[in-house]
């Protein structure tokens, strides 16, 4: 029997009730003891669904609850920093949903708070547990790619502007598809290629659909009058050692949907979906596809690893420092798009 871990949830929306709370419930020695939401009715509804005894409407009350050892922060981006820092300062371990924060300044404050408190800070980037991503990372670790010099990243929706929440509000989200879905594929690619250090970025963003009255909208009409984020972004990222990466992210465009990435090295390459490895072997160009991959519930495994790390029996999947690195790149892309020139990726003293 493992040591009992008692957790609290801040924010009771979809990611909390569909991912974090079921993930905790998969560990028989983990107990959810409180749910917090600014909407008391939403907190109570989530608590009832998962048989949680306590609810709060103020994250500071949950942070002060001595029954709680670890916390999931599942709020919108603009409310990542304050609850995370409050819980860390109260001596709790934290996993915060992606991205770590609206920008690297906030993310850096969170990482520093975790270091000062000597507590765990994890980031909810669940593609870390995708079997295809990990197969590519193993290929990288075994030098199957040779010298990795280039990667391509796609996080594209043809007509996928969310019609709910604050996804179109730059002040609250920090950005649009780049920070919402691009962050997933960018992290997966960076992880699969060994997390090279970013140096500089040249980026461009576009707003061609979001501010117009919706036409075809499979997810329902969005708030075009309050739409202040990009609906398409692209960027070129340079890394130490000479490797580079291109990324495209879209909420809305006239092109195909796709969540994918490609890695290229001088000895081999790979495509994420469908998973395929490209090699030149014995005078033949070969394409290798997996005959078997394990089935992993990525969100669930993410929570199980977090709980085990809290017990001191393992590591979190994605560290605060890794989450911060991704946000540093996103900041640089937005800054480059605004200034119309290549900009350095700021090295923060986190």
Protein backbone atom coordinates (compact mmCIF):
# COMPACT_ATOMS: atom_id res chain seq x y z
CA UNK A 1 0.00 0.00 0.00
CA UNK A 2 1.40 3.36 -1.08
CA UNK A 3 1.46 6.43 1.10
CA UNK A 4 -1.83 8.35 1.03
CA UNK A 5 -1.68 11.60 -0.94
CA UNK A 6 -4.42 14.17 -0.44
CA UNK A 7 -5.00 16.64 -3.27
CA UNK A 8 -7.02 19.73 -4.07
CA UNK A 9 -8.35 21.00 -7.41
CA UNK A 10 -8.44 24.69 -8.35
CA UNK A 11 -10.77 25.22 -11.30
CA UNK A 12 -13.54 22.72 -12.01
CA UNK A 13 -13.94 23.02 -15.77
CA UNK A 14 -13.49 20.39 -18.47
CA UNK A 15 -9.78 19.69 -18.02
CA UNK A 16 -10.29 19.17 -14.28
CA UNK A 17 -13.29 16.85 -14.54
CA UNK A 18 -12.18 14.98 -17.68
CA UNK A 19 -8.46 14.58 -16.96
CA UNK A 20 -7.08 15.55 -13.55
CA UNK A 21 -9.79 14.22 -11.26
CA UNK A 22 -10.24 10.86 -13.06
CA UNK A 23 -6.45 10.53 -13.10
CA UNK A 24 -6.22 10.97 -9.34
CA UNK A 25 -9.07 8.51 -8.86
CA UNK A 26 -7.03 5.89 -10.73
CA UNK A 27 -4.65 5.79 -7.75
CA UNK A 28 -6.41 3.98 -4.87
CA UNK A 29 -4.13 5.71 -2.35
CA UNK A 30 -4.84 9.22 -3.63
CA UNK A 31 -7.77 11.21 -2.22
CA UNK A 32 -9.29 14.39 -3.64
CA UNK A 33 -10.34 16.35 -0.58
CA UNK A 34 -11.38 19.74 -2.00
CA UNK A 35 -12.48 21.47 -5.19
CA UNK A 36 -12.24 25.24 -5.65
CA UNK A 37 -13.99 27.37 -8.25
CA UNK A 38 -15.11 31.00 -8.37
CA UNK A 39 -18.49 29.55 -9.32
CA UNK A 40 -19.65 27.70 -6.18
CA UNK A 41 -22.26 25.74 -8.14
CA UNK A 42 -19.61 24.44 -10.55
CA UNK A 43 -17.35 23.45 -7.66
CA UNK A 44 -20.20 21.60 -5.95
CA UNK A 45 -21.17 19.81 -9.15
CA UNK A 46 -17.60 18.56 -9.70
CA UNK A 47 -17.25 17.63 -6.04
CA UNK A 48 -20.47 15.60 -6.12
CA UNK A 49 -19.42 13.78 -9.28
CA UNK A 50 -16.15 12.63 -7.71
CA UNK A 51 -17.35 12.31 -4.10
CA UNK A 52 -15.17 15.17 -2.83
CA UNK A 53 -16.08 16.38 0.68
CA UNK A 54 -15.06 20.06 0.58
CA UNK A 55 -15.53 22.99 -1.78
CA UNK A 56 -14.09 26.50 -1.83
CA UNK A 57 -14.71 29.61 -3.91
CA UNK A 58 -11.34 31.26 -3.13
CA UNK A 59 -8.05 29.55 -4.02
CA UNK A 60 -6.40 31.11 -0.98
CA UNK A 61 -8.70 29.10 1.27
CA UNK A 62 -7.69 25.90 -0.48
CA UNK A 63 -4.01 26.88 -0.25
CA UNK A 64 -4.44 27.29 3.52
CA UNK A 65 -6.07 23.86 3.94
CA UNK A 66 -3.58 21.73 5.88
CA UNK A 67 -5.31 18.52 4.75
CA UNK A 68 -4.00 19.10 1.22
CA UNK A 69 -0.49 18.10 0.14
CA UNK A 70 -0.69 18.61 -3.63
CA UNK A 71 -2.78 20.75 -5.97
CA UNK A 72 -3.93 20.76 -9.59
CA UNK A 73 -4.35 24.27 -11.05
CA UNK A 74 -6.89 23.94 -13.87
CA UNK A 75 -7.85 27.58 -14.36
CA UNK A 76 -7.64 29.74 -17.51
CA UNK A 77 -4.16 30.96 -18.38
CA UNK A 78 -4.46 34.35 -16.70
CA UNK A 79 -5.16 32.60 -13.39
CA UNK A 80 -2.24 30.16 -13.44
CA UNK A 81 0.36 32.21 -11.62
CA UNK A 82 -1.44 33.43 -8.49
CA UNK A 83 -2.94 30.11 -7.33
CA UNK A 84 0.25 28.24 -8.18
CA UNK A 85 2.50 30.61 -6.24
CA UNK A 86 0.06 30.72 -3.31
CA UNK A 87 -0.03 26.92 -3.06
CA UNK A 88 3.74 26.58 -3.39
CA UNK A 89 4.29 29.18 -0.68
CA UNK A 90 1.83 27.26 1.50
CA UNK A 91 4.06 24.18 1.17
CA UNK A 92 2.10 22.26 -1.46
CA UNK A 93 3.28 20.54 -4.63
CA UNK A 94 1.58 21.80 -7.80
CA UNK A 95 0.75 20.60 -11.28
CA UNK A 96 -0.52 23.46 -13.45
CA UNK A 97 -2.26 23.02 -16.78
CA UNK A 98 -0.51 24.08 -19.97
CA UNK A 99 0.85 26.55 -20.79
CA UNK A 100 2.71 27.23 -17.56
CA UNK A 101 1.48 30.84 -17.74
CA UNK A 102 0.46 33.61 -20.12
CA UNK A 103 4.09 34.59 -20.57
CA UNK A 104 7.58 33.71 -19.41
CA UNK A 105 7.68 36.48 -16.82
CA UNK A 106 4.80 34.86 -14.93
CA UNK A 107 6.19 31.38 -15.57
CA UNK A 108 9.56 32.41 -14.18
CA UNK A 109 7.95 33.64 -10.98
CA UNK A 110 6.25 30.26 -10.60
CA UNK A 111 9.48 28.31 -11.13
CA UNK A 112 11.33 30.50 -8.64
CA UNK A 113 8.54 30.05 -6.09
CA UNK A 114 8.82 26.26 -6.45
CA UNK A 115 12.58 26.36 -5.97
CA UNK A 116 12.30 28.61 -2.93
CA UNK A 117 9.64 26.37 -1.37
CA UNK A 118 11.54 23.22 -2.39
CA UNK A 119 8.32 21.79 -3.80
CA UNK A 120 7.46 20.10 -7.09
CA UNK A 121 6.11 22.17 -9.97
CA UNK A 122 4.82 20.13 -12.93
CA UNK A 123 3.13 21.31 -16.13
CA UNK A 124 0.17 19.51 -17.70
CA UNK A 125 1.59 18.74 -21.15
CA UNK A 126 0.20 15.23 -21.52
CA UNK A 127 1.81 14.48 -24.91
CA UNK A 128 4.86 13.61 -22.81
CA UNK A 129 3.11 10.25 -22.29
CA UNK A 130 2.07 9.61 -25.90
CA UNK A 131 3.56 6.24 -26.96
CA UNK A 132 4.44 7.63 -30.40
CA UNK A 133 6.30 10.59 -28.90
CA UNK A 134 8.22 8.30 -26.58
CA UNK A 135 9.09 5.91 -29.39
CA UNK A 136 10.64 8.83 -31.28
CA UNK A 137 12.49 9.95 -28.14
CA UNK A 138 13.94 6.45 -27.71
CA UNK A 139 15.11 6.58 -31.31
CA UNK A 140 16.79 9.90 -30.52
CA UNK A 141 18.40 8.60 -27.32
CA UNK A 142 19.87 5.62 -29.20
CA UNK A 143 21.39 7.98 -31.83
CA UNK A 144 19.07 6.65 -34.53
CA UNK A 145 18.70 10.13 -36.04
CA UNK A 146 22.40 10.94 -35.93
CA UNK A 147 22.76 14.73 -35.98
CA UNK A 148 19.25 16.21 -35.66
CA UNK A 149 19.23 19.44 -37.63
CA UNK A 150 15.61 20.25 -38.48
CA UNK A 151 12.01 19.74 -37.34
CA UNK A 152 8.57 20.71 -38.58
CA UNK A 153 5.58 21.18 -36.27
CA UNK A 154 1.88 21.41 -37.18
CA UNK A 155 -1.01 22.19 -34.82
CA UNK A 156 -3.71 23.05 -37.33
CA UNK A 157 -7.46 23.37 -37.25
CA UNK A 158 -9.40 24.22 -40.39
CA UNK A 159 -12.41 25.62 -38.52
CA UNK A 160 -11.71 25.21 -34.84
CA UNK A 161 -12.14 28.54 -33.08
CA UNK A 162 -13.58 27.68 -29.65
CA UNK A 163 -17.05 29.08 -29.05
CA UNK A 164 -16.74 28.86 -25.24
CA UNK A 165 -14.40 30.11 -22.55
CA UNK A 166 -11.87 32.91 -23.02
CA UNK A 167 -9.84 31.39 -25.88
CA UNK A 168 -10.31 34.50 -28.02
CA UNK A 169 -9.24 36.95 -25.30
CA UNK A 170 -5.54 37.83 -25.53
CA UNK A 171 -5.50 39.51 -22.11
CA UNK A 172 -6.71 36.35 -20.42
CA UNK A 173 -5.05 33.69 -22.60
CA UNK A 174 -1.85 35.36 -23.75
CA UNK A 175 -2.47 34.29 -27.34
CA UNK A 176 -4.50 32.09 -29.66
CA UNK A 177 -3.77 28.75 -31.34
CA UNK A 178 -0.03 29.06 -30.80
CA UNK A 179 -0.34 29.13 -27.01
CA UNK A 180 -3.39 26.83 -26.85
CA UNK A 181 -2.65 23.90 -29.18
CA UNK A 182 0.72 24.81 -30.65
CA UNK A 183 2.20 24.43 -27.19
CA UNK A 184 1.35 20.70 -27.24
CA UNK A 185 3.09 19.87 -30.51
CA UNK A 186 6.00 22.21 -29.81
CA UNK A 187 6.62 20.52 -26.47
CA UNK A 188 6.31 17.03 -28.00
CA UNK A 189 8.82 17.91 -30.72
CA UNK A 190 11.27 19.57 -28.34
CA UNK A 191 11.09 16.58 -26.00
CA UNK A 192 11.55 14.10 -28.86
CA UNK A 193 14.65 15.94 -30.10
CA UNK A 194 16.28 16.20 -26.67
CA UNK A 195 15.22 19.72 -25.69
CA UNK A 196 17.80 21.88 -27.52
CA UNK A 197 18.30 25.40 -26.18
CA UNK A 198 16.42 28.02 -28.26
CA UNK A 199 18.43 31.02 -29.45
CA UNK A 200 16.28 33.19 -31.71
CA UNK A 201 12.91 33.30 -33.44
CA UNK A 202 11.35 34.87 -36.50
CA UNK A 203 7.56 34.70 -36.39
CA UNK A 204 4.38 35.99 -37.98
CA UNK A 205 0.77 35.97 -36.80
CA UNK A 206 -2.45 36.56 -38.72
CA UNK A 207 -6.03 37.49 -37.88
CA UNK A 208 -8.03 36.66 -40.99
CA UNK A 209 -11.15 34.91 -39.66
CA UNK A 210 -11.60 35.44 -35.94
CA UNK A 211 -12.81 39.06 -36.10
CA UNK A 212 -15.34 38.32 -38.84
CA UNK A 213 -18.88 37.07 -38.37
CA UNK A 214 -18.61 33.27 -38.27
CA UNK A 215 -19.55 31.29 -41.36
CA UNK A 216 -19.09 27.53 -41.04
CA UNK A 217 -18.47 26.97 -37.34
CA UNK A 218 -18.60 23.26 -36.32
CA UNK A 219 -18.10 24.20 -32.65
CA UNK A 220 -20.70 26.96 -32.77
CA UNK A 221 -20.33 30.67 -33.53
CA UNK A 222 -17.48 32.34 -31.68
CA UNK A 223 -17.43 35.88 -30.26
CA UNK A 224 -15.98 37.68 -33.28
CA UNK A 225 -16.47 41.10 -31.71
CA UNK A 226 -14.32 40.18 -28.72
CA UNK A 227 -11.71 38.17 -30.66
CA UNK A 228 -8.26 39.65 -29.92
CA UNK A 229 -5.86 36.72 -30.52
CA UNK A 230 -4.28 35.42 -33.73
CA UNK A 231 -6.12 32.76 -35.70
CA UNK A 232 -2.91 31.60 -37.45
CA UNK A 233 0.78 31.73 -36.54
CA UNK A 234 4.02 30.53 -38.07
CA UNK A 235 7.62 30.79 -36.93
CA UNK A 236 11.20 29.75 -37.55
CA UNK A 237 13.16 28.85 -34.40
CA UNK A 238 16.96 28.56 -34.21
CA UNK A 239 18.72 26.48 -31.55
CA UNK A 240 22.20 26.33 -30.10
CA UNK A 241 24.36 24.07 -32.27
CA UNK A 242 22.63 25.07 -35.51
CA UNK A 243 19.43 23.00 -35.47
CA UNK A 244 16.19 24.74 -36.43
CA UNK A 245 12.43 24.21 -36.31
CA UNK A 246 9.39 25.60 -38.09
CA UNK A 247 5.96 25.68 -36.46
CA UNK A 248 2.48 26.45 -37.75
CA UNK A 249 -0.55 26.76 -35.50
CA UNK A 250 -4.11 27.56 -36.51
CA UNK A 251 -7.61 27.93 -35.12
CA UNK A 252 -9.02 28.71 -38.56
CA UNK A 253 -7.62 28.46 -42.10
CA UNK A 254 -8.36 27.19 -45.58
CA UNK A 255 -6.30 24.03 -45.34
CA UNK A 256 -6.32 20.58 -43.76
CA UNK A 257 -6.51 19.84 -40.04
CA UNK A 258 -3.50 18.20 -38.48
CA UNK A 259 -1.53 17.68 -35.28
CA UNK A 260 1.86 16.40 -36.37
CA UNK A 261 5.61 16.82 -36.32
CA UNK A 262 8.63 15.60 -38.26
CA UNK A 263 12.24 15.27 -37.11
CA UNK A 264 15.16 15.04 -39.53
CA UNK A 265 18.72 13.91 -38.85
CA UNK A 266 21.64 12.90 -41.02
CA UNK A 267 21.12 9.20 -40.20
CA UNK A 268 17.33 9.02 -39.98
CA UNK A 269 14.06 10.85 -39.60
CA UNK A 270 10.62 10.36 -38.09
CA UNK A 271 7.01 11.40 -38.45
CA UNK A 272 4.71 11.53 -35.44
CA UNK A 273 1.38 10.57 -37.00
CA UNK A 274 1.08 8.01 -38.38
CA UNK A 275 4.32 7.04 -36.69
CA UNK A 276 7.00 6.26 -39.23
CA UNK A 277 10.79 6.18 -39.25
CA UNK A 278 12.83 6.96 -42.37
CA UNK A 279 16.28 5.44 -42.94
CA UNK A 280 18.81 4.60 -45.63
CA UNK A 281 19.92 1.02 -45.00
CA UNK A 282 22.12 -1.30 -47.07
CA UNK A 283 21.57 0.65 -50.26
CA UNK A 284 17.80 0.97 -49.73
CA UNK A 285 15.56 3.78 -48.54
CA UNK A 286 13.38 2.21 -45.84
CA UNK A 287 10.22 3.31 -44.04
CA UNK A 288 9.59 1.56 -40.72
CA UNK A 289 6.23 1.52 -38.95
CA UNK A 290 5.61 0.12 -35.46
CA UNK A 291 4.18 -3.37 -35.20
CA UNK A 292 3.05 -2.63 -31.65
CA UNK A 293 2.83 0.29 -29.26
CA UNK A 294 1.52 0.26 -25.69
CA UNK A 295 -1.86 1.81 -25.01
CA UNK A 296 -1.49 4.67 -22.56
CA UNK A 297 -4.12 6.96 -21.07
CA UNK A 298 -1.87 9.97 -21.23
CA UNK A 299 -3.74 12.26 -18.81
CA UNK A 300 -4.14 9.46 -16.30
CA UNK A 301 -0.48 8.49 -16.41
CA UNK A 302 0.45 12.14 -16.00
CA UNK A 303 -1.50 12.35 -12.75
CA UNK A 304 -0.22 9.00 -11.48
CA UNK A 305 3.37 10.11 -12.06
CA UNK A 306 2.72 13.41 -10.30
CA UNK A 307 1.29 11.64 -7.26
CA UNK A 308 4.23 9.21 -7.16
CA UNK A 309 6.65 12.12 -7.39
CA UNK A 310 4.88 13.71 -4.43
CA UNK A 311 5.52 10.45 -2.56
CA UNK A 312 9.20 10.77 -3.50
CA UNK A 313 9.08 7.66 -5.69
CA UNK A 314 9.68 9.17 -9.11
CA UNK A 315 9.81 12.32 -11.20
CA UNK A 316 7.12 14.52 -12.70
CA UNK A 317 6.61 14.15 -16.44
CA UNK A 318 7.14 17.79 -17.41
CA UNK A 319 9.06 20.09 -15.08
CA UNK A 320 8.35 23.76 -14.54
CA UNK A 321 11.66 24.54 -16.25
CA UNK A 322 10.63 22.63 -19.38
CA UNK A 323 7.25 24.36 -19.43
CA UNK A 324 8.99 27.70 -19.03
CA UNK A 325 11.34 26.95 -21.95
CA UNK A 326 8.35 26.43 -24.25
CA UNK A 327 6.74 29.68 -23.07
CA UNK A 328 10.00 31.56 -23.68
CA UNK A 329 9.78 30.45 -27.33
CA UNK A 330 6.12 31.48 -27.58
CA UNK A 331 6.93 34.91 -26.13
CA UNK A 332 9.65 35.37 -28.73
CA UNK A 333 7.32 34.38 -31.58
CA UNK A 334 4.73 36.95 -30.52
CA UNK A 335 7.41 39.61 -30.05
CA UNK A 336 8.88 38.87 -33.47
CA UNK A 337 5.46 39.06 -35.13
CA UNK A 338 4.76 42.39 -33.46
CA UNK A 339 8.16 43.90 -34.29
CA UNK A 340 8.60 42.41 -37.76
CA UNK A 341 12.10 41.12 -37.08
CA UNK A 342 13.98 38.17 -35.62
CA UNK A 343 14.25 38.40 -31.85
CA UNK A 344 16.41 36.49 -29.33
CA UNK A 345 14.76 34.01 -26.99
CA UNK A 346 15.18 35.58 -23.58
CA UNK A 347 17.14 33.58 -21.05
CA UNK A 348 15.35 34.17 -17.78
CA UNK A 349 16.99 33.68 -14.43
CA UNK A 350 14.39 31.21 -13.25
